Amino acid sequence: RGYVLHGGDFTGFLRAYSPGTLEEREATGASDAYLTRWTPSGELEWVKRFASDGGSLCKGVAVNATGQIFVTGNFSGSLALESRSLEYEGGLAKILLWLGED
């Protein structure tokens, strides 16, 4: 399909820019994980932030043959996702997120 996914983590502010588009996110924890998707022509399509009060890290991104996106990483405390949150009070939790089709 030609899309590019880029994931990582940040502190302070994340600024993702392509001509005509600027997306900004502010970290709410020690660090926040993020995932961006870029079109084949280099345009920013979307930014997803995974915020945790104790910190979150994006460790890997994969896409399977049918276009489903998976993200692996760590978080501690409460992880805020788009429509729900996950709680973990035992230190650092491992996570695998399925984001659906790209």
PDB file of N, CA and C in Angstrom:
ATOM      1  N   ARG A   1       0.826  -1.197   0.000  1.00  0.00           N
ATOM      2  CA  ARG A   1       0.000   0.000   0.000  1.00  0.00           C
ATOM      3  C   ARG A   1       0.863   1.251   0.000  1.00  0.00           C
ATOM      4  N   GLY A   2       2.105   1.125   0.430  1.00  0.00           N
ATOM      5  CA  GLY A   2       3.027   2.235   0.331  1.00  0.00           C
ATOM      6  C   GLY A   2       3.041   3.198   1.495  1.00  0.00           C
ATOM      7  N   TYR A   3       2.236   2.980   2.512  1.00  0.00           N
ATOM      8  CA  TYR A   3       2.230   3.869   3.662  1.00  0.00           C
ATOM      9  C   TYR A   3       3.470   3.632   4.519  1.00  0.00           C
ATOM     10  N   VAL A   4       3.892   4.662   5.223  1.00  0.00           N
ATOM     11  CA  VAL A   4       5.003   4.556   6.162  1.00  0.00           C
ATOM     12  C   VAL A   4       4.464   4.787   7.564  1.00  0.00           C
ATOM     13  N   LEU A   5       4.777   3.870   8.481  1.00  0.00           N
ATOM     14  CA  LEU A   5       4.429   4.032   9.891  1.00  0.00           C
ATOM     15  C   LEU A   5       5.706   4.332  10.655  1.00  0.00           C
ATOM     16  N   HIS A   6       5.619   5.260  11.576  1.00  0.00           N
ATOM     17  CA  HIS A   6       6.773   5.602  12.408  1.00  0.00           C
ATOM     18  C   HIS A   6       6.310   5.709  13.850  1.00  0.00           C
ATOM     19  N   GLY A   7       6.944   4.972  14.725  1.00  0.00           N
ATOM     20  CA  GLY A   7       6.585   5.004  16.134  1.00  0.00           C
ATOM     21  C   GLY A   7       7.784   5.330  16.995  1.00  0.00           C
ATOM     22  N   GLY A   8       7.511   5.809  18.183  1.00  0.00           N
ATOM     23  CA  GLY A   8       8.571   6.137  19.121  1.00  0.00           C
ATOM     24  C   GLY A   8       7.973   6.644  20.414  1.00  0.00           C
ATOM     25  N   ASP A   9       8.767   7.396  21.142  1.00  0.00           N
ATOM     26  CA  ASP A   9       8.272   8.032  22.359  1.00  0.00           C
ATOM     27  C   ASP A   9       8.891   9.417  22.460  1.00  0.00           C
ATOM     28  N   PHE A  10       8.250  10.282  23.246  1.00  0.00           N
ATOM     29  CA  PHE A  10       8.706  11.660  23.344  1.00  0.00           C
ATOM     30  C   PHE A  10       8.391  12.236  24.717  1.00  0.00           C
ATOM     31  N   THR A  11       9.112  13.285  25.048  1.00  0.00           N
ATOM     32  CA  THR A  11       8.820  14.106  26.221  1.00  0.00           C
ATOM     33  C   THR A  11       8.588  15.522  25.724  1.00  0.00           C
ATOM     34  N   GLY A  12       7.909  16.333  26.489  1.00  0.00           N
ATOM     35  CA  GLY A  12       7.633  17.699  26.041  1.00  0.00           C
ATOM     36  C   GLY A  12       6.576  17.699  24.957  1.00  0.00           C
ATOM     37  N   PHE A  13       6.972  18.078  23.737  1.00  0.00           N
ATOM     38  CA  PHE A  13       6.038  18.172  22.618  1.00  0.00           C
ATOM     39  C   PHE A  13       6.491  17.309  21.452  1.00  0.00           C
ATOM     40  N   LEU A  14       5.526  16.721  20.755  1.00  0.00           N
ATOM     41  CA  LEU A  14       5.745  16.034  19.491  1.00  0.00           C
ATOM     42  C   LEU A  14       5.155  16.916  18.406  1.00  0.00           C
ATOM     43  N   ARG A  15       5.947  17.213  17.398  1.00  0.00           N
ATOM     44  CA  ARG A  15       5.460  17.984  16.250  1.00  0.00           C
ATOM     45  C   ARG A  15       5.731  17.178  14.993  1.00  0.00           C
ATOM     46  N   ALA A  16       4.674  16.786  14.313  1.00  0.00           N
ATOM     47  CA  ALA A  16       4.769  16.044  13.060  1.00  0.00           C
ATOM     48  C   ALA A  16       4.293  16.978  11.956  1.00  0.00           C
ATOM     49  N   TYR A  17       5.119  17.174  10.946  1.00  0.00           N
ATOM     50  CA  TYR A  17       4.833  18.172   9.923  1.00  0.00           C
ATOM     51  C   TYR A  17       5.000  17.596   8.525  1.00  0.00           C
ATOM     52  N   SER A  18       4.058  17.925   7.668  1.00  0.00           N
ATOM     53  CA  SER A  18       4.205  17.765   6.231  1.00  0.00           C
ATOM     54  C   SER A  18       3.590  19.018   5.634  1.00  0.00           C
ATOM     55  N   PRO A  19       3.918  19.389   4.397  1.00  0.00           N
ATOM     56  CA  PRO A  19       3.401  20.634   3.839  1.00  0.00           C
ATOM     57  C   PRO A  19       1.884  20.773   4.014  1.00  0.00           C
ATOM     58  N   GLY A  20       1.484  21.822   4.687  1.00  0.00           N
ATOM     59  CA  GLY A  20       0.073  22.101   4.911  1.00  0.00           C
ATOM     60  C   GLY A  20      -0.511  21.444   6.145  1.00  0.00           C
ATOM     61  N   THR A  21       0.261  20.604   6.829  1.00  0.00           N
ATOM     62  CA  THR A  21      -0.248  19.887   7.991  1.00  0.00           C
ATOM     63  C   THR A  21       0.767  19.938   9.129  1.00  0.00           C
ATOM     64  N   LEU A  22       0.311  20.371  10.290  1.00  0.00           N
ATOM     65  CA  LEU A  22       1.131  20.328  11.495  1.00  0.00           C
ATOM     66  C   LEU A  22       0.292  19.723  12.606  1.00  0.00           C
ATOM     67  N   GLU A  23       0.749  18.618  13.145  1.00  0.00           N
ATOM     68  CA  GLU A  23       0.077  17.973  14.270  1.00  0.00           C
ATOM     69  C   GLU A  23       0.980  18.103  15.482  1.00  0.00           C
ATOM     70  N   GLU A  24       0.433  18.584  16.592  1.00  0.00           N
ATOM     71  CA  GLU A  24       1.196  18.731  17.819  1.00  0.00           C
ATOM     72  C   GLU A  24       0.524  17.944  18.935  1.00  0.00           C
ATOM     73  N   ARG A  25       1.330  17.291  19.735  1.00  0.00           N
ATOM     74  CA  ARG A  25       0.848  16.586  20.913  1.00  0.00           C
ATOM     75  C   ARG A  25       1.779  16.934  22.069  1.00  0.00           C
ATOM     76  N   GLU A  26       1.214  17.048  23.272  1.00  0.00           N
ATOM     77  CA  GLU A  26       2.007  17.314  24.456  1.00  0.00           C
ATOM     78  C   GLU A  26       2.037  16.064  25.324  1.00  0.00           C
ATOM     79  N   ALA A  27       3.235  15.682  25.767  1.00  0.00           N
ATOM     80  CA  ALA A  27       3.374  14.519  26.639  1.00  0.00           C
ATOM     81  C   ALA A  27       2.749  14.818  27.988  1.00  0.00           C
ATOM     82  N   THR A  28       2.055  13.841  28.530  1.00  0.00           N
ATOM     83  CA  THR A  28       1.408  14.032  29.830  1.00  0.00           C
ATOM     84  C   THR A  28       2.081  13.230  30.931  1.00  0.00           C
ATOM     85  N   GLY A  29       2.917  12.264  30.566  1.00  0.00           N
ATOM     86  CA  GLY A  29       3.618  11.465  31.561  1.00  0.00           C
ATOM     87  C   GLY A  29       5.108  11.700  31.469  1.00  0.00           C
ATOM     88  N   ALA A  30       5.887  10.800  32.055  1.00  0.00           N
ATOM     89  CA  ALA A  30       7.338  10.886  31.967  1.00  0.00           C
ATOM     90  C   ALA A  30       7.764  10.839  30.494  1.00  0.00           C
ATOM     91  N   SER A  31       7.069  10.049  29.694  1.00  0.00           N
ATOM     92  CA  SER A  31       7.197  10.019  28.232  1.00  0.00           C
ATOM     93  C   SER A  31       5.896   9.449  27.687  1.00  0.00           C
ATOM     94  N   ASP A  32       5.574   9.793  26.461  1.00  0.00           N
ATOM     95  CA  ASP A  32       4.384   9.263  25.792  1.00  0.00           C
ATOM     96  C   ASP A  32       4.813   8.554  24.516  1.00  0.00           C
ATOM     97  N   ALA A  33       4.153   7.449  24.202  1.00  0.00           N
ATOM     98  CA  ALA A  33       4.401   6.738  22.955  1.00  0.00           C
ATOM     99  C   ALA A  33       3.551   7.357  21.844  1.00  0.00           C
ATOM    100  N   TYR A  34       4.022   7.227  20.609  1.00  0.00           N
ATOM    101  CA  TYR A  34       3.247   7.748  19.475  1.00  0.00           C
ATOM    102  C   TYR A  34       3.429   6.851  18.263  1.00  0.00           C
ATOM    103  N   LEU A  35       2.501   6.995  17.333  1.00  0.00           N
ATOM    104  CA  LEU A  35       2.572   6.329  16.042  1.00  0.00           C
ATOM    105  C   LEU A  35       2.056   7.314  15.005  1.00  0.00           C
ATOM    106  N   THR A  36       2.808   7.496  13.923  1.00  0.00           N
ATOM    107  CA  THR A  36       2.366   8.352  12.822  1.00  0.00           C
ATOM    108  C   THR A  36       2.244   7.511  11.558  1.00  0.00           C
ATOM    109  N   ARG A  37       1.356   7.944  10.673  1.00  0.00           N
ATOM    110  CA  ARG A  37       1.225   7.290   9.371  1.00  0.00           C
ATOM    111  C   ARG A  37       1.332   8.350   8.288  1.00  0.00           C
ATOM    112  N   TRP A  38       2.169   8.039   7.303  1.00  0.00           N
ATOM    113  CA  TRP A  38       2.464   8.943   6.193  1.00  0.00           C
ATOM    114  C   TRP A  38       2.043   8.279   4.892  1.00  0.00           C
ATOM    115  N   THR A  39       1.484   9.070   3.962  1.00  0.00           N
ATOM    116  CA  THR A  39       1.059   8.545   2.670  1.00  0.00           C
ATOM    117  C   THR A  39       2.287   8.266   1.796  1.00  0.00           C
ATOM    118  N   PRO A  40       2.101   7.531   0.707  1.00  0.00           N
ATOM    119  CA  PRO A  40       3.228   7.282  -0.202  1.00  0.00           C
ATOM    120  C   PRO A  40       3.849   8.564  -0.762  1.00  0.00           C
ATOM    121  N   SER A  41       3.088   9.651  -0.818  1.00  0.00           N
ATOM    122  CA  SER A  41       3.627  10.924  -1.326  1.00  0.00           C
ATOM    123  C   SER A  41       4.250  11.781  -0.223  1.00  0.00           C
ATOM    124  N   GLY A  42       4.300  11.261   1.013  1.00  0.00           N
ATOM    125  CA  GLY A  42       4.968  11.988   2.092  1.00  0.00           C
ATOM    126  C   GLY A  42       4.080  12.885   2.930  1.00  0.00           C
ATOM    127  N   GLU A  43       2.768  12.797   2.753  1.00  0.00           N
ATOM    128  CA  GLU A  43       1.836  13.601   3.542  1.00  0.00           C
ATOM    129  C   GLU A  43       1.526  12.908   4.872  1.00  0.00           C
ATOM    130  N   LEU A  44       1.473  13.683   5.930  1.00  0.00           N
ATOM    131  CA  LEU A  44       1.092  13.142   7.226  1.00  0.00           C
ATOM    132  C   LEU A  44      -0.393  12.817   7.203  1.00  0.00           C
ATOM    133  N   GLU A  45      -0.748  11.581   7.504  1.00  0.00           N
ATOM    134  CA  GLU A  45      -2.150  11.180   7.493  1.00  0.00           C
ATOM    135  C   GLU A  45      -2.764  11.238   8.890  1.00  0.00           C
ATOM    136  N   TRP A  46      -2.045  10.698   9.888  1.00  0.00           N
ATOM    137  CA  TRP A  46      -2.547  10.774  11.254  1.00  0.00           C
ATOM    138  C   TRP A  46      -1.427  10.588  12.269  1.00  0.00           C
ATOM    139  N   VAL A  47      -1.738  11.015  13.510  1.00  0.00           N
ATOM    140  CA  VAL A  47      -0.848  10.841  14.659  1.00  0.00           C
ATOM    141  C   VAL A  47      -1.677  10.235  15.782  1.00  0.00           C
ATOM    142  N   LYS A  48      -1.180   9.175  16.389  1.00  0.00           N
ATOM    143  CA  LYS A  48      -1.826   8.592  17.563  1.00  0.00           C
ATOM    144  C   LYS A  48      -0.841   8.678  18.725  1.00  0.00           C
ATOM    145  N   ARG A  49      -1.336   9.141  19.868  1.00  0.00           N
ATOM    146  CA  ARG A  49      -0.513   9.250  21.079  1.00  0.00           C
ATOM    147  C   ARG A  49      -1.080   8.299  22.111  1.00  0.00           C
ATOM    148  N   PHE A  50      -0.183   7.579  22.781  1.00  0.00           N
ATOM    149  CA  PHE A  50      -0.563   6.658  23.836  1.00  0.00           C
ATOM    150  C   PHE A  50       0.046   7.184  25.131  1.00  0.00           C
ATOM    151  N   ALA A  51      -0.773   7.863  25.917  1.00  0.00           N
ATOM    152  CA  ALA A  51      -0.285   8.581  27.093  1.00  0.00           C
ATOM    153  C   ALA A  51      -0.470   7.757  28.353  1.00  0.00           C
ATOM    154  N   SER A  52       0.536   7.810  29.215  1.00  0.00           N
ATOM    155  CA  SER A  52       0.475   7.130  30.501  1.00  0.00           C
ATOM    156  C   SER A  52       1.030   8.062  31.567  1.00  0.00           C
ATOM    157  N   ASP A  53       0.377   8.095  32.715  1.00  0.00           N
ATOM    158  CA  ASP A  53       0.852   8.979  33.775  1.00  0.00           C
ATOM    159  C   ASP A  53       2.229   8.573  34.286  1.00  0.00           C
ATOM    160  N   GLY A  54       2.582   7.291  34.152  1.00  0.00           N
ATOM    161  CA  GLY A  54       3.889   6.829  34.581  1.00  0.00           C
ATOM    162  C   GLY A  54       4.900   6.726  33.449  1.00  0.00           C
ATOM    163  N   GLY A  55       4.473   6.939  32.232  1.00  0.00           N
ATOM    164  CA  GLY A  55       5.348   6.844  31.064  1.00  0.00           C
ATOM    165  C   GLY A  55       4.964   5.689  30.168  1.00  0.00           C
ATOM    166  N   SER A  56       5.104   5.870  28.869  1.00  0.00           N
ATOM    167  CA  SER A  56       4.835   4.819  27.890  1.00  0.00           C
ATOM    168  C   SER A  56       5.885   4.876  26.792  1.00  0.00           C
ATOM    169  N   LEU A  57       6.237   3.707  26.267  1.00  0.00           N
ATOM    170  CA  LEU A  57       7.266   3.596  25.233  1.00  0.00           C
ATOM    171  C   LEU A  57       6.747   2.732  24.093  1.00  0.00           C
ATOM    172  N   CYS A  58       6.996   3.145  22.871  1.00  0.00           N
ATOM    173  CA  CYS A  58       6.702   2.343  21.685  1.00  0.00           C
ATOM    174  C   CYS A  58       7.978   1.582  21.343  1.00  0.00           C
ATOM    175  N   LYS A  59       7.893   0.253  21.349  1.00  0.00           N
ATOM    176  CA  LYS A  59       9.073  -0.576  21.091  1.00  0.00           C
ATOM    177  C   LYS A  59       9.081  -1.192  19.703  1.00  0.00           C
ATOM    178  N   GLY A  60       7.914  -1.319  19.079  1.00  0.00           N
ATOM    179  CA  GLY A  60       7.867  -1.928  17.758  1.00  0.00           C
ATOM    180  C   GLY A  60       6.540  -1.704  17.074  1.00  0.00           C
ATOM    181  N   VAL A  61       6.577  -1.734  15.737  1.00  0.00           N
ATOM    182  CA  VAL A  61       5.379  -1.570  14.918  1.00  0.00           C
ATOM    183  C   VAL A  61       5.438  -2.624  13.818  1.00  0.00           C
ATOM    184  N   ALA A  62       4.309  -3.278  13.565  1.00  0.00           N
ATOM    185  CA  ALA A  62       4.245  -4.284  12.498  1.00  0.00           C
ATOM    186  C   ALA A  62       2.907  -4.175  11.786  1.00  0.00           C
ATOM    187  N   VAL A  63       2.910  -4.551  10.519  1.00  0.00           N
ATOM    188  CA  VAL A  63       1.690  -4.617   9.717  1.00  0.00           C
ATOM    189  C   VAL A  63       1.655  -6.008   9.086  1.00  0.00           C
ATOM    190  N   ASN A  64       0.521  -6.694   9.233  1.00  0.00           N
ATOM    191  CA  ASN A  64       0.437  -8.033   8.641  1.00  0.00           C
ATOM    192  C   ASN A  64      -0.018  -7.948   7.183  1.00  0.00           C
ATOM    193  N   ALA A  65      -0.163  -9.096   6.545  1.00  0.00           N
ATOM    194  CA  ALA A  65      -0.483  -9.157   5.116  1.00  0.00           C
ATOM    195  C   ALA A  65      -1.827  -8.537   4.772  1.00  0.00           C
ATOM    196  N   THR A  66      -2.755  -8.465   5.734  1.00  0.00           N
ATOM    197  CA  THR A  66      -4.067  -7.875   5.460  1.00  0.00           C
ATOM    198  C   THR A  66      -4.140  -6.398   5.850  1.00  0.00           C
ATOM    199  N   GLY A  67      -3.014  -5.826   6.288  1.00  0.00           N
ATOM    200  CA  GLY A  67      -2.974  -4.395   6.600  1.00  0.00           C
ATOM    201  C   GLY A  67      -3.299  -4.042   8.037  1.00  0.00           C
ATOM    202  N   GLN A  68      -3.399  -5.029   8.924  1.00  0.00           N
ATOM    203  CA  GLN A  68      -3.675  -4.737  10.331  1.00  0.00           C
ATOM    204  C   GLN A  68      -2.394  -4.257  11.012  1.00  0.00           C
ATOM    205  N   ILE A  69      -2.524  -3.206  11.831  1.00  0.00           N
ATOM    206  CA  ILE A  69      -1.385  -2.572  12.483  1.00  0.00           C
ATOM    207  C   ILE A  69      -1.305  -3.048  13.930  1.00  0.00           C
ATOM    208  N   PHE A  70      -0.091  -3.413  14.353  1.00  0.00           N
ATOM    209  CA  PHE A  70       0.177  -3.834  15.722  1.00  0.00           C
ATOM    210  C   PHE A  70       1.308  -2.979  16.293  1.00  0.00           C
ATOM    211  N   VAL A  71       1.173  -2.596  17.561  1.00  0.00           N
ATOM    212  CA  VAL A  71       2.190  -1.805  18.245  1.00  0.00           C
ATOM    213  C   VAL A  71       2.551  -2.528  19.538  1.00  0.00           C
ATOM    214  N   THR A  72       3.845  -2.654  19.813  1.00  0.00           N
ATOM    215  CA  THR A  72       4.298  -3.213  21.078  1.00  0.00           C
ATOM    216  C   THR A  72       4.994  -2.136  21.886  1.00  0.00           C
ATOM    217  N   GLY A  73       4.977  -2.297  23.208  1.00  0.00           N
ATOM    218  CA  GLY A  73       5.649  -1.324  24.046  1.00  0.00           C
ATOM    219  C   GLY A  73       5.477  -1.610  25.515  1.00  0.00           C
ATOM    220  N   ASN A  74       5.751  -0.598  26.321  1.00  0.00           N
ATOM    221  CA  ASN A  74       5.656  -0.676  27.772  1.00  0.00           C
ATOM    222  C   ASN A  74       4.887   0.536  28.285  1.00  0.00           C
ATOM    223  N   PHE A  75       4.276   0.373  29.452  1.00  0.00           N
ATOM    224  CA  PHE A  75       3.687   1.517  30.129  1.00  0.00           C
ATOM    225  C   PHE A  75       3.631   1.227  31.617  1.00  0.00           C
ATOM    226  N   SER A  76       3.469   2.278  32.391  1.00  0.00           N
ATOM    227  CA  SER A  76       3.236   2.115  33.829  1.00  0.00           C
ATOM    228  C   SER A  76       2.136   3.080  34.250  1.00  0.00           C
ATOM    229  N   GLY A  77       1.374   2.691  35.264  1.00  0.00           N
ATOM    230  CA  GLY A  77       0.263   3.514  35.735  1.00  0.00           C
ATOM    231  C   GLY A  77      -0.979   3.291  34.909  1.00  0.00           C
ATOM    232  N   SER A  78      -1.548   4.361  34.401  1.00  0.00           N
ATOM    233  CA  SER A  78      -2.774   4.326  33.616  1.00  0.00           C
ATOM    234  C   SER A  78      -2.470   4.762  32.188  1.00  0.00           C
ATOM    235  N   LEU A  79      -2.746   3.894  31.212  1.00  0.00           N
ATOM    236  CA  LEU A  79      -2.487   4.181  29.806  1.00  0.00           C
ATOM    237  C   LEU A  79      -3.780   4.620  29.141  1.00  0.00           C
ATOM    238  N   ALA A  80      -3.800   5.835  28.585  1.00  0.00           N
ATOM    239  CA  ALA A  80      -4.978   6.363  27.893  1.00  0.00           C
ATOM    240  C   ALA A  80      -4.895   6.023  26.410  1.00  0.00           C
ATOM    241  N   LEU A  81      -5.895   5.301  25.948  1.00  0.00           N
ATOM    242  CA  LEU A  81      -6.028   5.007  24.530  1.00  0.00           C
ATOM    243  C   LEU A  81      -7.157   5.872  23.992  1.00  0.00           C
ATOM    244  N   GLU A  82      -7.512   5.725  22.735  1.00  0.00           N
ATOM    245  CA  GLU A  82      -8.496   6.628  22.145  1.00  0.00           C
ATOM    246  C   GLU A  82      -9.836   6.618  22.864  1.00  0.00           C
ATOM    247  N   SER A  83     -10.358   5.445  23.184  1.00  0.00           N
ATOM    248  CA  SER A  83     -11.688   5.403  23.790  1.00  0.00           C
ATOM    249  C   SER A  83     -11.718   4.637  25.108  1.00  0.00           C
ATOM    250  N   ARG A  84     -10.577   4.236  25.628  1.00  0.00           N
ATOM    251  CA  ARG A  84     -10.527   3.483  26.877  1.00  0.00           C
ATOM    252  C   ARG A  84      -9.177   3.679  27.529  1.00  0.00           C
ATOM    253  N   SER A  85      -9.043   3.143  28.732  1.00  0.00           N
ATOM    254  CA  SER A  85      -7.751   3.203  29.405  1.00  0.00           C
ATOM    255  C   SER A  85      -7.446   1.856  30.049  1.00  0.00           C
ATOM    256  N   LEU A  86      -6.161   1.610  30.266  1.00  0.00           N
ATOM    257  CA  LEU A  86      -5.691   0.399  30.925  1.00  0.00           C
ATOM    258  C   LEU A  86      -4.956   0.804  32.199  1.00  0.00           C
ATOM    259  N   GLU A  87      -5.134   0.033  33.252  1.00  0.00           N
ATOM    260  CA  GLU A  87      -4.479   0.315  34.537  1.00  0.00           C
ATOM    261  C   GLU A  87      -3.507  -0.809  34.862  1.00  0.00           C
ATOM    262  N   TYR A  88      -2.328  -0.418  35.367  1.00  0.00           N
ATOM    263  CA  TYR A  88      -1.372  -1.404  35.848  1.00  0.00           C
ATOM    264  C   TYR A  88      -0.587  -0.781  36.986  1.00  0.00           C
ATOM    265  N   GLU A  89      -0.651  -1.396  38.147  1.00  0.00           N
ATOM    266  CA  GLU A  89      -0.013  -0.828  39.327  1.00  0.00           C
ATOM    267  C   GLU A  89       1.207  -1.620  39.778  1.00  0.00           C
ATOM    268  N   GLY A  90       1.688  -2.537  38.961  1.00  0.00           N
ATOM    269  CA  GLY A  90       2.788  -3.392  39.370  1.00  0.00           C
ATOM    270  C   GLY A  90       4.130  -3.007  38.785  1.00  0.00           C
ATOM    271  N   GLY A  91       4.345  -1.778  38.425  1.00  0.00           N
ATOM    272  CA  GLY A  91       5.610  -1.363  37.815  1.00  0.00           C
ATOM    273  C   GLY A  91       5.432  -1.145  36.322  1.00  0.00           C
ATOM    274  N   LEU A  92       6.203  -1.870  35.518  1.00  0.00           N
ATOM    275  CA  LEU A  92       6.196  -1.700  34.072  1.00  0.00           C
ATOM    276  C   LEU A  92       5.438  -2.852  33.415  1.00  0.00           C
ATOM    277  N   ALA A  93       4.447  -2.529  32.601  1.00  0.00           N
ATOM    278  CA  ALA A  93       3.641  -3.542  31.907  1.00  0.00           C
ATOM    279  C   ALA A  93       4.025  -3.581  30.432  1.00  0.00           C
ATOM    280  N   LYS A  94       4.024  -4.758  29.859  1.00  0.00           N
ATOM    281  CA  LYS A  94       4.204  -4.942  28.419  1.00  0.00           C
ATOM    282  C   LYS A  94       2.836  -4.855  27.770  1.00  0.00           C
ATOM    283  N   ILE A  95       2.813  -4.336  26.537  1.00  0.00           N
ATOM    284  CA  ILE A  95       1.520  -4.203  25.873  1.00  0.00           C
ATOM    285  C   ILE A  95       1.654  -4.512  24.388  1.00  0.00           C
ATOM    286  N   LEU A  96       0.610  -5.092  23.825  1.00  0.00           N
ATOM    287  CA  LEU A  96       0.465  -5.298  22.398  1.00  0.00           C
ATOM    288  C   LEU A  96      -0.872  -4.699  22.014  1.00  0.00           C
ATOM    289  N   LEU A  97      -0.846  -3.699  21.159  1.00  0.00           N
ATOM    290  CA  LEU A  97      -2.078  -3.026  20.714  1.00  0.00           C
ATOM    291  C   LEU A  97      -2.371  -3.422  19.279  1.00  0.00           C
ATOM    292  N   TRP A  98      -3.617  -3.699  19.001  1.00  0.00           N
ATOM    293  CA  TRP A  98      -4.078  -3.931  17.636  1.00  0.00           C
ATOM    294  C   TRP A  98      -4.877  -2.699  17.246  1.00  0.00           C
ATOM    295  N   LEU A  99      -4.462  -2.042  16.176  1.00  0.00           N
ATOM    296  CA  LEU A  99      -5.109  -0.804  15.753  1.00  0.00           C
ATOM    297  C   LEU A  99      -6.047  -0.997  14.582  1.00  0.00           C
ATOM    298  N   GLY A 100      -6.270  -2.211  14.143  1.00  0.00           N
ATOM    299  CA  GLY A 100      -7.162  -2.447  13.019  1.00  0.00           C
ATOM    300  C   GLY A 100      -6.407  -2.345  11.697  1.00  0.00           C
ATOM    301  N   GLU A 101      -7.149  -2.201  10.636  1.00  0.00           N
ATOM    302  CA  GLU A 101      -6.527  -2.148   9.304  1.00  0.00           C
ATOM    303  C   GLU A 101      -6.029  -0.753   9.023  1.00  0.00           C
ATOM    304  N   ASP A 102      -4.942  -0.689   8.231  1.00  0.00           N
ATOM    305  CA  ASP A 102      -4.355   0.632   7.917  1.00  0.00           C
ATOM    306  C   ASP A 102      -5.096   1.369   6.860  1.00  0.00           C
TER     307      ASP A 102
END
